[in-house]
Amino acid sequence: TALLFTTKKGKQIQDRIVDAYDEVKGSVKDTLSESKQKIEEGVDQAT
């Protein structure tokens, strides 16, 4: 929504899209890492 209503040039919009993608990608990796850690801790406790 922010990108659609912006008045910036095409290259700037592309850069913002790439930045947003990288941010989401990092967030997903962090969440997956935390989930993996919680699962491993649960398995260790169960063992």
ModelCIF file with pLDDT and N, C-alpha, C, O atoms, coordinates in Angstrom:
data_MODEL
#
_entry.id   MODEL 
#
_entity.id                         1 
_entity.type                       polymer 
_entity.pdbx_number_of_molecules   1 
#
_entity_poly.entity_id                      1 
_entity_poly.type                           'polypeptide(L)' 
_entity_poly.nstd_linkage                   no 
_entity_poly.nstd_monomer                   no 
_entity_poly.pdbx_seq_one_letter_code       TALLFTTKKGKQIQDRIVDAYDEVKGSVKDTLSESKQKIEEGVDQAT 
_entity_poly.pdbx_seq_one_letter_code_can   TALLFTTKKGKQIQDRIVDAYDEVKGSVKDTLSESKQKIEEGVDQAT 
_entity_poly.pdbx_strand_id                 A 
#
loop_
_entity_poly_seq.entity_id 
_entity_poly_seq.num 
_entity_poly_seq.mon_id 
_entity_poly_seq.hetero 
1 1  THR n 
1 2  ALA n 
1 3  LEU n 
1 4  LEU n 
1 5  PHE n 
1 6  THR n 
1 7  THR n 
1 8  LYS n 
1 9  LYS n 
1 10 GLY n 
1 11 LYS n 
1 12 GLN n 
1 13 ILE n 
1 14 GLN n 
1 15 ASP n 
1 16 ARG n 
1 17 ILE n 
1 18 VAL n 
1 19 ASP n 
1 20 ALA n 
1 21 TYR n 
1 22 ASP n 
1 23 GLU n 
1 24 VAL n 
1 25 LYS n 
1 26 GLY n 
1 27 SER n 
1 28 VAL n 
1 29 LYS n 
1 30 ASP n 
1 31 THR n 
1 32 LEU n 
1 33 SER n 
1 34 GLU n 
1 35 SER n 
1 36 LYS n 
1 37 GLN n 
1 38 LYS n 
1 39 ILE n 
1 40 GLU n 
1 41 GLU n 
1 42 GLY n 
1 43 VAL n 
1 44 ASP n 
1 45 GLN n 
1 46 ALA n 
1 47 THR n 
#
_struct_asym.id          A 
_struct_asym.entity_id   1 
#
loop_
_ma_qa_metric.id 
_ma_qa_metric.mode 
_ma_qa_metric.name 
_ma_qa_metric.software_group_id 
_ma_qa_metric.type 
1 global pLDDT . pLDDT 
2 local  pLDDT . pLDDT 
#
_ma_qa_metric_global.metric_id      1 
_ma_qa_metric_global.metric_value   83.36 
_ma_qa_metric_global.model_id       1 
_ma_qa_metric_global.ordinal_id     1 
#
loop_
_ma_qa_metric_local.label_asym_id 
_ma_qa_metric_local.label_comp_id 
_ma_qa_metric_local.label_seq_id 
_ma_qa_metric_local.metric_id 
_ma_qa_metric_local.metric_value 
_ma_qa_metric_local.model_id 
_ma_qa_metric_local.ordinal_id 
A THR 1  2 81.00 1 1  
A ALA 2  2 78.00 1 2  
A LEU 3  2 72.00 1 3  
A LEU 4  2 74.00 1 4  
A PHE 5  2 75.00 1 5  
A THR 6  2 70.00 1 6  
A THR 7  2 68.00 1 7  
A LYS 8  2 64.00 1 8  
A LYS 9  2 74.00 1 9  
A GLY 10 2 72.00 1 10 
A LYS 11 2 76.00 1 11 
A GLN 12 2 80.00 1 12 
A ILE 13 2 76.00 1 13 
A GLN 14 2 78.00 1 14 
A ASP 15 2 84.00 1 15 
A ARG 16 2 82.00 1 16 
A ILE 17 2 81.00 1 17 
A VAL 18 2 85.00 1 18 
A ASP 19 2 89.00 1 19 
A ALA 20 2 86.00 1 20 
A TYR 21 2 85.00 1 21 
A ASP 22 2 89.00 1 22 
A GLU 23 2 89.00 1 23 
A VAL 24 2 86.00 1 24 
A LYS 25 2 88.00 1 25 
A GLY 26 2 88.00 1 26 
A SER 27 2 87.00 1 27 
A VAL 28 2 86.00 1 28 
A LYS 29 2 88.00 1 29 
A ASP 30 2 88.00 1 30 
A THR 31 2 88.00 1 31 
A LEU 32 2 88.00 1 32 
A SER 33 2 88.00 1 33 
A GLU 34 2 89.00 1 34 
A SER 35 2 89.00 1 35 
A LYS 36 2 90.00 1 36 
A GLN 37 2 90.00 1 37 
A LYS 38 2 90.00 1 38 
A ILE 39 2 90.00 1 39 
A GLU 40 2 90.00 1 40 
A GLU 41 2 89.00 1 41 
A GLY 42 2 87.00 1 42 
A VAL 43 2 88.00 1 43 
A ASP 44 2 87.00 1 44 
A GLN 45 2 87.00 1 45 
A ALA 46 2 84.00 1 46 
A THR 47 2 85.00 1 47 
#
loop_
_atom_site.group_PDB 
_atom_site.id 
_atom_site.type_symbol 
_atom_site.label_atom_id 
_atom_site.label_alt_id 
_atom_site.label_comp_id 
_atom_site.label_asym_id 
_atom_site.label_entity_id 
_atom_site.label_seq_id 
_atom_site.pdbx_PDB_ins_code 
_atom_site.Cartn_x 
_atom_site.Cartn_y 
_atom_site.Cartn_z 
_atom_site.occupancy 
_atom_site.B_iso_or_equiv 
_atom_site.pdbx_formal_charge 
_atom_site.auth_seq_id 
_atom_site.auth_comp_id 
_atom_site.auth_asym_id 
_atom_site.auth_atom_id 
_atom_site.pdbx_PDB_model_num 
ATOM 1   N N  . THR A 1 1  ? 0.833  -1.203  0.000   1.00 81.00 ? 1  THR A N  1 
ATOM 2   C CA . THR A 1 1  ? 0.000  0.000   0.000   1.00 81.00 ? 1  THR A CA 1 
ATOM 3   C C  . THR A 1 1  ? 0.868  1.254   0.000   1.00 81.00 ? 1  THR A C  1 
ATOM 4   O O  . THR A 1 1  ? 0.611  2.198   -0.748  1.00 81.00 ? 1  THR A O  1 
ATOM 5   N N  . ALA A 1 2  ? 1.884  1.256   0.834   1.00 78.00 ? 2  ALA A N  1 
ATOM 6   C CA . ALA A 1 2  ? 2.789  2.406   0.886   1.00 78.00 ? 2  ALA A CA 1 
ATOM 7   C C  . ALA A 1 2  ? 3.500  2.597   -0.452  1.00 78.00 ? 2  ALA A C  1 
ATOM 8   O O  . ALA A 1 2  ? 3.683  3.727   -0.905  1.00 78.00 ? 2  ALA A O  1 
ATOM 9   N N  . LEU A 1 3  ? 3.889  1.521   -1.066  1.00 72.00 ? 3  LEU A N  1 
ATOM 10  C CA . LEU A 1 3  ? 4.584  1.620   -2.349  1.00 72.00 ? 3  LEU A CA 1 
ATOM 11  C C  . LEU A 1 3  ? 3.664  2.106   -3.465  1.00 72.00 ? 3  LEU A C  1 
ATOM 12  O O  . LEU A 1 3  ? 4.087  2.850   -4.350  1.00 72.00 ? 3  LEU A O  1 
ATOM 13  N N  . LEU A 1 4  ? 2.417  1.684   -3.418  1.00 74.00 ? 4  LEU A N  1 
ATOM 14  C CA . LEU A 1 4  ? 1.479  2.090   -4.461  1.00 74.00 ? 4  LEU A CA 1 
ATOM 15  C C  . LEU A 1 4  ? 1.136  3.576   -4.380  1.00 74.00 ? 4  LEU A C  1 
ATOM 16  O O  . LEU A 1 4  ? 0.884  4.214   -5.402  1.00 74.00 ? 4  LEU A O  1 
ATOM 17  N N  . PHE A 1 5  ? 1.127  4.118   -3.186  1.00 75.00 ? 5  PHE A N  1 
ATOM 18  C CA . PHE A 1 5  ? 0.734  5.509   -3.017  1.00 75.00 ? 5  PHE A CA 1 
ATOM 19  C C  . PHE A 1 5  ? 1.926  6.460   -2.895  1.00 75.00 ? 5  PHE A C  1 
ATOM 20  O O  . PHE A 1 5  ? 1.761  7.626   -2.540  1.00 75.00 ? 5  PHE A O  1 
ATOM 21  N N  . THR A 1 6  ? 3.081  5.975   -3.181  1.00 70.00 ? 6  THR A N  1 
ATOM 22  C CA . THR A 1 6  ? 4.267  6.820   -3.096  1.00 70.00 ? 6  THR A CA 1 
ATOM 23  C C  . THR A 1 6  ? 4.450  7.611   -4.397  1.00 70.00 ? 6  THR A C  1 
ATOM 24  O O  . THR A 1 6  ? 3.912  7.239   -5.440  1.00 70.00 ? 6  THR A O  1 
ATOM 25  N N  . THR A 1 7  ? 5.194  8.675   -4.323  1.00 68.00 ? 7  THR A N  1 
ATOM 26  C CA . THR A 1 7  ? 5.429  9.495   -5.510  1.00 68.00 ? 7  THR A CA 1 
ATOM 27  C C  . THR A 1 7  ? 6.864  9.344   -6.006  1.00 68.00 ? 7  THR A C  1 
ATOM 28  O O  . THR A 1 7  ? 7.338  10.170  -6.786  1.00 68.00 ? 7  THR A O  1 
ATOM 29  N N  . LYS A 1 8  ? 7.543  8.324   -5.574  1.00 64.00 ? 8  LYS A N  1 
ATOM 30  C CA . LYS A 1 8  ? 8.942  8.128   -5.934  1.00 64.00 ? 8  LYS A CA 1 
ATOM 31  C C  . LYS A 1 8  ? 9.066  7.524   -7.328  1.00 64.00 ? 8  LYS A C  1 
ATOM 32  O O  . LYS A 1 8  ? 8.103  6.988   -7.876  1.00 64.00 ? 8  LYS A O  1 
ATOM 33  N N  . LYS A 1 9  ? 10.251 7.619   -7.881  1.00 74.00 ? 9  LYS A N  1 
ATOM 34  C CA . LYS A 1 9  ? 10.546 7.066   -9.200  1.00 74.00 ? 9  LYS A CA 1 
ATOM 35  C C  . LYS A 1 9  ? 10.643 5.543   -9.124  1.00 74.00 ? 9  LYS A C  1 
ATOM 36  O O  . LYS A 1 9  ? 10.770 4.974   -8.040  1.00 74.00 ? 9  LYS A O  1 
ATOM 37  N N  . GLY A 1 10 ? 10.585 4.897   -10.275 1.00 72.00 ? 10 GLY A N  1 
ATOM 38  C CA . GLY A 1 10 ? 10.593 3.433   -10.362 1.00 72.00 ? 10 GLY A CA 1 
ATOM 39  C C  . GLY A 1 10 ? 11.759 2.766   -9.678  1.00 72.00 ? 10 GLY A C  1 
ATOM 40  O O  . GLY A 1 10 ? 11.566 1.781   -8.966  1.00 72.00 ? 10 GLY A O  1 
ATOM 41  N N  . LYS A 1 11 ? 12.965 3.269   -9.869  1.00 76.00 ? 11 LYS A N  1 
ATOM 42  C CA . LYS A 1 11 ? 14.154 2.671   -9.258  1.00 76.00 ? 11 LYS A CA 1 
ATOM 43  C C  . LYS A 1 11 ? 14.088 2.757   -7.743  1.00 76.00 ? 11 LYS A C  1 
ATOM 44  O O  . LYS A 1 11 ? 14.467 1.815   -7.047  1.00 76.00 ? 11 LYS A O  1 
ATOM 45  N N  . GLN A 1 12 ? 13.611 3.876   -7.234  1.00 80.00 ? 12 GLN A N  1 
ATOM 46  C CA . GLN A 1 12 ? 13.486 4.024   -5.784  1.00 80.00 ? 12 GLN A CA 1 
ATOM 47  C C  . GLN A 1 12 ? 12.452 3.044   -5.235  1.00 80.00 ? 12 GLN A C  1 
ATOM 48  O O  . GLN A 1 12 ? 12.640 2.473   -4.161  1.00 80.00 ? 12 GLN A O  1 
ATOM 49  N N  . ILE A 1 13 ? 11.372 2.854   -5.967  1.00 76.00 ? 13 ILE A N  1 
ATOM 50  C CA . ILE A 1 13 ? 10.347 1.895   -5.533  1.00 76.00 ? 13 ILE A CA 1 
ATOM 51  C C  . ILE A 1 13 ? 10.915 0.486   -5.540  1.00 76.00 ? 13 ILE A C  1 
ATOM 52  O O  . ILE A 1 13 ? 10.662 -0.293  -4.621  1.00 76.00 ? 13 ILE A O  1 
ATOM 53  N N  . GLN A 1 14 ? 11.684 0.153   -6.576  1.00 78.00 ? 14 GLN A N  1 
ATOM 54  C CA . GLN A 1 14 ? 12.308 -1.170  -6.629  1.00 78.00 ? 14 GLN A CA 1 
ATOM 55  C C  . GLN A 1 14 ? 13.239 -1.382  -5.441  1.00 78.00 ? 14 GLN A C  1 
ATOM 56  O O  . GLN A 1 14 ? 13.264 -2.455  -4.839  1.00 78.00 ? 14 GLN A O  1 
ATOM 57  N N  . ASP A 1 15 ? 13.993 -0.359  -5.118  1.00 84.00 ? 15 ASP A N  1 
ATOM 58  C CA . ASP A 1 15 ? 14.898 -0.466  -3.972  1.00 84.00 ? 15 ASP A CA 1 
ATOM 59  C C  . ASP A 1 15 ? 14.128 -0.679  -2.675  1.00 84.00 ? 15 ASP A C  1 
ATOM 60  O O  . ASP A 1 15 ? 14.542 -1.458  -1.817  1.00 84.00 ? 15 ASP A O  1 
ATOM 61  N N  . ARG A 1 16 ? 13.021 0.010   -2.541  1.00 82.00 ? 16 ARG A N  1 
ATOM 62  C CA . ARG A 1 16 ? 12.202 -0.160  -1.333  1.00 82.00 ? 16 ARG A CA 1 
ATOM 63  C C  . ARG A 1 16 ? 11.607 -1.556  -1.272  1.00 82.00 ? 16 ARG A C  1 
ATOM 64  O O  . ARG A 1 16 ? 11.514 -2.143  -0.195  1.00 82.00 ? 16 ARG A O  1 
ATOM 65  N N  . ILE A 1 17 ? 11.202 -2.097  -2.424  1.00 81.00 ? 17 ILE A N  1 
ATOM 66  C CA . ILE A 1 17 ? 10.655 -3.454  -2.462  1.00 81.00 ? 17 ILE A CA 1 
ATOM 67  C C  . ILE A 1 17 ? 11.729 -4.453  -2.035  1.00 81.00 ? 17 ILE A C  1 
ATOM 68  O O  . ILE A 1 17 ? 11.462 -5.359  -1.246  1.00 81.00 ? 17 ILE A O  1 
ATOM 69  N N  . VAL A 1 18 ? 12.929 -4.285  -2.553  1.00 85.00 ? 18 VAL A N  1 
ATOM 70  C CA . VAL A 1 18 ? 14.037 -5.176  -2.188  1.00 85.00 ? 18 VAL A CA 1 
ATOM 71  C C  . VAL A 1 18 ? 14.326 -5.072  -0.696  1.00 85.00 ? 18 VAL A C  1 
ATOM 72  O O  . VAL A 1 18 ? 14.525 -6.089  -0.032  1.00 85.00 ? 18 VAL A O  1 
ATOM 73  N N  . ASP A 1 19 ? 14.351 -3.862  -0.166  1.00 89.00 ? 19 ASP A N  1 
ATOM 74  C CA . ASP A 1 19 ? 14.587 -3.675  1.264   1.00 89.00 ? 19 ASP A CA 1 
ATOM 75  C C  . ASP A 1 19 ? 13.499 -4.343  2.107   1.00 89.00 ? 19 ASP A C  1 
ATOM 76  O O  . ASP A 1 19 ? 13.792 -4.997  3.107   1.00 89.00 ? 19 ASP A O  1 
ATOM 77  N N  . ALA A 1 20 ? 12.254 -4.173  1.697   1.00 86.00 ? 20 ALA A N  1 
ATOM 78  C CA . ALA A 1 20 ? 11.137 -4.788  2.427   1.00 86.00 ? 20 ALA A CA 1 
ATOM 79  C C  . ALA A 1 20 ? 11.233 -6.308  2.358   1.00 86.00 ? 20 ALA A C  1 
ATOM 80  O O  . ALA A 1 20 ? 10.985 -6.997  3.347   1.00 86.00 ? 20 ALA A O  1 
ATOM 81  N N  . TYR A 1 21 ? 11.594 -6.824  1.188   1.00 85.00 ? 21 TYR A N  1 
ATOM 82  C CA . TYR A 1 21 ? 11.750 -8.276  1.034   1.00 85.00 ? 21 TYR A CA 1 
ATOM 83  C C  . TYR A 1 21 ? 12.847 -8.793  1.958   1.00 85.00 ? 21 TYR A C  1 
ATOM 84  O O  . TYR A 1 21 ? 12.672 -9.806  2.636   1.00 85.00 ? 21 TYR A O  1 
ATOM 85  N N  . ASP A 1 22 ? 13.972 -8.095  1.980   1.00 89.00 ? 22 ASP A N  1 
ATOM 86  C CA . ASP A 1 22 ? 15.077 -8.513  2.844   1.00 89.00 ? 22 ASP A CA 1 
ATOM 87  C C  . ASP A 1 22 ? 14.682 -8.483  4.313   1.00 89.00 ? 22 ASP A C  1 
ATOM 88  O O  . ASP A 1 22 ? 15.073 -9.359  5.085   1.00 89.00 ? 22 ASP A O  1 
ATOM 89  N N  . GLU A 1 23 ? 13.912 -7.483  4.696   1.00 89.00 ? 23 GLU A N  1 
ATOM 90  C CA . GLU A 1 23 ? 13.459 -7.379  6.086   1.00 89.00 ? 23 GLU A CA 1 
ATOM 91  C C  . GLU A 1 23 ? 12.528 -8.541  6.453   1.00 89.00 ? 23 GLU A C  1 
ATOM 92  O O  . GLU A 1 23 ? 12.672 -9.148  7.514   1.00 89.00 ? 23 GLU A O  1 
ATOM 93  N N  . VAL A 1 24 ? 11.582 -8.840  5.574   1.00 86.00 ? 24 VAL A N  1 
ATOM 94  C CA . VAL A 1 24 ? 10.659 -9.952  5.822   1.00 86.00 ? 24 VAL A CA 1 
ATOM 95  C C  . VAL A 1 24 ? 11.419 -11.271 5.829   1.00 86.00 ? 24 VAL A C  1 
ATOM 96  O O  . VAL A 1 24 ? 11.164 -12.139 6.664   1.00 86.00 ? 24 VAL A O  1 
ATOM 97  N N  . LYS A 1 25 ? 12.346 -11.419 4.903   1.00 88.00 ? 25 LYS A N  1 
ATOM 98  C CA . LYS A 1 25 ? 13.152 -12.645 4.840   1.00 88.00 ? 25 LYS A CA 1 
ATOM 99  C C  . LYS A 1 25 ? 13.918 -12.848 6.148   1.00 88.00 ? 25 LYS A C  1 
ATOM 100 O O  . LYS A 1 25 ? 13.951 -13.955 6.687   1.00 88.00 ? 25 LYS A O  1 
ATOM 101 N N  . GLY A 1 26 ? 14.528 -11.784 6.653   1.00 88.00 ? 26 GLY A N  1 
ATOM 102 C CA . GLY A 1 26 ? 15.252 -11.876 7.918   1.00 88.00 ? 26 GLY A CA 1 
ATOM 103 C C  . GLY A 1 26 ? 14.332 -12.215 9.073   1.00 88.00 ? 26 GLY A C  1 
ATOM 104 O O  . GLY A 1 26 ? 14.690 -12.997 9.954   1.00 88.00 ? 26 GLY A O  1 
ATOM 105 N N  . SER A 1 27 ? 13.147 -11.627 9.069   1.00 87.00 ? 27 SER A N  1 
ATOM 106 C CA . SER A 1 27 ? 12.176 -11.899 10.126  1.00 87.00 ? 27 SER A CA 1 
ATOM 107 C C  . SER A 1 27 ? 11.733 -13.360 10.101  1.00 87.00 ? 27 SER A C  1 
ATOM 108 O O  . SER A 1 27 ? 11.613 -13.998 11.147  1.00 87.00 ? 27 SER A O  1 
ATOM 109 N N  . VAL A 1 28 ? 11.496 -13.876 8.914   1.00 86.00 ? 28 VAL A N  1 
ATOM 110 C CA . VAL A 1 28 ? 11.080 -15.286 8.784   1.00 86.00 ? 28 VAL A CA 1 
ATOM 111 C C  . VAL A 1 28 ? 12.203 -16.203 9.248   1.00 86.00 ? 28 VAL A C  1 
ATOM 112 O O  . VAL A 1 28 ? 11.952 -17.186 9.945   1.00 86.00 ? 28 VAL A O  1 
ATOM 113 N N  . LYS A 1 29 ? 13.435 -15.893 8.870   1.00 88.00 ? 29 LYS A N  1 
ATOM 114 C CA . LYS A 1 29 ? 14.567 -16.716 9.311   1.00 88.00 ? 29 LYS A CA 1 
ATOM 115 C C  . LYS A 1 29 ? 14.683 -16.708 10.829  1.00 88.00 ? 29 LYS A C  1 
ATOM 116 O O  . LYS A 1 29 ? 14.919 -17.750 11.440  1.00 88.00 ? 29 LYS A O  1 
ATOM 117 N N  . ASP A 1 30 ? 14.518 -15.537 11.440  1.00 88.00 ? 30 ASP A N  1 
ATOM 118 C CA . ASP A 1 30 ? 14.592 -15.432 12.897  1.00 88.00 ? 30 ASP A CA 1 
ATOM 119 C C  . ASP A 1 30 ? 13.499 -16.260 13.563  1.00 88.00 ? 30 ASP A C  1 
ATOM 120 O O  . ASP A 1 30 ? 13.745 -16.972 14.537  1.00 88.00 ? 30 ASP A O  1 
ATOM 121 N N  . THR A 1 31 ? 12.287 -16.154 13.019  1.00 88.00 ? 31 THR A N  1 
ATOM 122 C CA . THR A 1 31 ? 11.164 -16.900 13.584  1.00 88.00 ? 31 THR A CA 1 
ATOM 123 C C  . THR A 1 31 ? 11.388 -18.400 13.451  1.00 88.00 ? 31 THR A C  1 
ATOM 124 O O  . THR A 1 31 ? 11.121 -19.153 14.388  1.00 88.00 ? 31 THR A O  1 
ATOM 125 N N  . LEU A 1 32 ? 11.872 -18.835 12.302  1.00 88.00 ? 32 LEU A N  1 
ATOM 126 C CA . LEU A 1 32 ? 12.147 -20.255 12.108  1.00 88.00 ? 32 LEU A CA 1 
ATOM 127 C C  . LEU A 1 32 ? 13.248 -20.735 13.044  1.00 88.00 ? 32 LEU A C  1 
ATOM 128 O O  . LEU A 1 32 ? 13.172 -21.837 13.587  1.00 88.00 ? 32 LEU A O  1 
ATOM 129 N N  . SER A 1 33 ? 14.264 -19.913 13.230  1.00 88.00 ? 33 SER A N  1 
ATOM 130 C CA . SER A 1 33 ? 15.347 -20.267 14.130  1.00 88.00 ? 33 SER A CA 1 
ATOM 131 C C  . SER A 1 33 ? 14.847 -20.407 15.567  1.00 88.00 ? 33 SER A C  1 
ATOM 132 O O  . SER A 1 33 ? 15.210 -21.351 16.270  1.00 88.00 ? 33 SER A O  1 
ATOM 133 N N  . GLU A 1 34 ? 14.014 -19.462 15.995  1.00 89.00 ? 34 GLU A N  1 
ATOM 134 C CA . GLU A 1 34 ? 13.453 -19.523 17.345  1.00 89.00 ? 34 GLU A CA 1 
ATOM 135 C C  . GLU A 1 34 ? 12.559 -20.753 17.509  1.00 89.00 ? 34 GLU A C  1 
ATOM 136 O O  . GLU A 1 34 ? 12.596 -21.421 18.542  1.00 89.00 ? 34 GLU A O  1 
ATOM 137 N N  . SER A 1 35 ? 11.763 -21.045 16.494  1.00 89.00 ? 35 SER A N  1 
ATOM 138 C CA . SER A 1 35 ? 10.885 -22.217 16.545  1.00 89.00 ? 35 SER A CA 1 
ATOM 139 C C  . SER A 1 35 ? 11.698 -23.499 16.623  1.00 89.00 ? 35 SER A C  1 
ATOM 140 O O  . SER A 1 35 ? 11.375 -24.405 17.391  1.00 89.00 ? 35 SER A O  1 
ATOM 141 N N  . LYS A 1 36 ? 12.751 -23.568 15.825  1.00 90.00 ? 36 LYS A N  1 
ATOM 142 C CA . LYS A 1 36 ? 13.620 -24.746 15.843  1.00 90.00 ? 36 LYS A CA 1 
ATOM 143 C C  . LYS A 1 36 ? 14.234 -24.933 17.225  1.00 90.00 ? 36 LYS A C  1 
ATOM 144 O O  . LYS A 1 36 ? 14.298 -26.049 17.740  1.00 90.00 ? 36 LYS A O  1 
ATOM 145 N N  . GLN A 1 37 ? 14.682 -23.832 17.818  1.00 90.00 ? 37 GLN A N  1 
ATOM 146 C CA . GLN A 1 37 ? 15.287 -23.893 19.144  1.00 90.00 ? 37 GLN A CA 1 
ATOM 147 C C  . GLN A 1 37 ? 14.272 -24.383 20.186  1.00 90.00 ? 37 GLN A C  1 
ATOM 148 O O  . GLN A 1 37 ? 14.602 -25.209 21.037  1.00 90.00 ? 37 GLN A O  1 
ATOM 149 N N  . LYS A 1 38 ? 13.044 -23.873 20.115  1.00 90.00 ? 38 LYS A N  1 
ATOM 150 C CA . LYS A 1 38 ? 12.010 -24.299 21.067  1.00 90.00 ? 38 LYS A CA 1 
ATOM 151 C C  . LYS A 1 38 ? 11.690 -25.775 20.891  1.00 90.00 ? 38 LYS A C  1 
ATOM 152 O O  . LYS A 1 38 ? 11.485 -26.487 21.874  1.00 90.00 ? 38 LYS A O  1 
ATOM 153 N N  . ILE A 1 39 ? 11.647 -26.239 19.652  1.00 90.00 ? 39 ILE A N  1 
ATOM 154 C CA . ILE A 1 39 ? 11.368 -27.655 19.396  1.00 90.00 ? 39 ILE A CA 1 
ATOM 155 C C  . ILE A 1 39 ? 12.491 -28.517 19.947  1.00 90.00 ? 39 ILE A C  1 
ATOM 156 O O  . ILE A 1 39 ? 12.237 -29.542 20.581  1.00 90.00 ? 39 ILE A O  1 
ATOM 157 N N  . GLU A 1 40 ? 13.736 -28.106 19.709  1.00 90.00 ? 40 GLU A N  1 
ATOM 158 C CA . GLU A 1 40 ? 14.879 -28.869 20.221  1.00 90.00 ? 40 GLU A CA 1 
ATOM 159 C C  . GLU A 1 40 ? 14.869 -28.910 21.744  1.00 90.00 ? 40 GLU A C  1 
ATOM 160 O O  . GLU A 1 40 ? 15.167 -29.947 22.337  1.00 90.00 ? 40 GLU A O  1 
ATOM 161 N N  . GLU A 1 41 ? 14.531 -27.799 22.379  1.00 89.00 ? 41 GLU A N  1 
ATOM 162 C CA . GLU A 1 41 ? 14.452 -27.772 23.847  1.00 89.00 ? 41 GLU A CA 1 
ATOM 163 C C  . GLU A 1 41 ? 13.357 -28.708 24.333  1.00 89.00 ? 41 GLU A C  1 
ATOM 164 O O  . GLU A 1 41 ? 13.540 -29.418 25.322  1.00 89.00 ? 41 GLU A O  1 
ATOM 165 N N  . GLY A 1 42 ? 12.220 -28.715 23.645  1.00 87.00 ? 42 GLY A N  1 
ATOM 166 C CA . GLY A 1 42 ? 11.125 -29.611 24.019  1.00 87.00 ? 42 GLY A CA 1 
ATOM 167 C C  . GLY A 1 42 ? 11.514 -31.067 23.869  1.00 87.00 ? 42 GLY A C  1 
ATOM 168 O O  . GLY A 1 42 ? 11.181 -31.892 24.720  1.00 87.00 ? 42 GLY A O  1 
ATOM 169 N N  . VAL A 1 43 ? 12.220 -31.392 22.790  1.00 88.00 ? 43 VAL A N  1 
ATOM 170 C CA . VAL A 1 43 ? 12.675 -32.769 22.578  1.00 88.00 ? 43 VAL A CA 1 
ATOM 171 C C  . VAL A 1 43 ? 13.665 -33.163 23.660  1.00 88.00 ? 43 VAL A C  1 
ATOM 172 O O  . VAL A 1 43 ? 13.603 -34.271 24.191  1.00 88.00 ? 43 VAL A O  1 
ATOM 173 N N  . ASP A 1 44 ? 14.584 -32.252 23.990  1.00 87.00 ? 44 ASP A N  1 
ATOM 174 C CA . ASP A 1 44 ? 15.553 -32.534 25.051  1.00 87.00 ? 44 ASP A CA 1 
ATOM 175 C C  . ASP A 1 44 ? 14.858 -32.796 26.388  1.00 87.00 ? 44 ASP A C  1 
ATOM 176 O O  . ASP A 1 44 ? 15.209 -33.736 27.102  1.00 87.00 ? 44 ASP A O  1 
ATOM 177 N N  . GLN A 1 45 ? 13.880 -31.968 26.720  1.00 87.00 ? 45 GLN A N  1 
ATOM 178 C CA . GLN A 1 45 ? 13.153 -32.146 27.976  1.00 87.00 ? 45 GLN A CA 1 
ATOM 179 C C  . GLN A 1 45 ? 12.387 -33.463 27.973  1.00 87.00 ? 45 GLN A C  1 
ATOM 180 O O  . GLN A 1 45 ? 12.371 -34.174 28.977  1.00 87.00 ? 45 GLN A O  1 
ATOM 181 N N  . ALA A 1 46 ? 11.758 -33.790 26.861  1.00 84.00 ? 46 ALA A N  1 
ATOM 182 C CA . ALA A 1 46 ? 11.005 -35.039 26.776  1.00 84.00 ? 46 ALA A CA 1 
ATOM 183 C C  . ALA A 1 46 ? 11.946 -36.233 26.892  1.00 84.00 ? 46 ALA A C  1 
ATOM 184 O O  . ALA A 1 46 ? 11.616 -37.228 27.536  1.00 84.00 ? 46 ALA A O  1 
ATOM 185 N N  . THR A 1 47 ? 13.116 -36.133 26.269  1.00 85.00 ? 47 THR A N  1 
ATOM 186 C CA . THR A 1 47 ? 14.098 -37.218 26.342  1.00 85.00 ? 47 THR A CA 1 
ATOM 187 C C  . THR A 1 47 ? 14.592 -37.394 27.773  1.00 85.00 ? 47 THR A C  1 
ATOM 188 O O  . THR A 1 47 ? 15.425 -38.261 28.036  1.00 85.00 ? 47 THR A O  1 
#
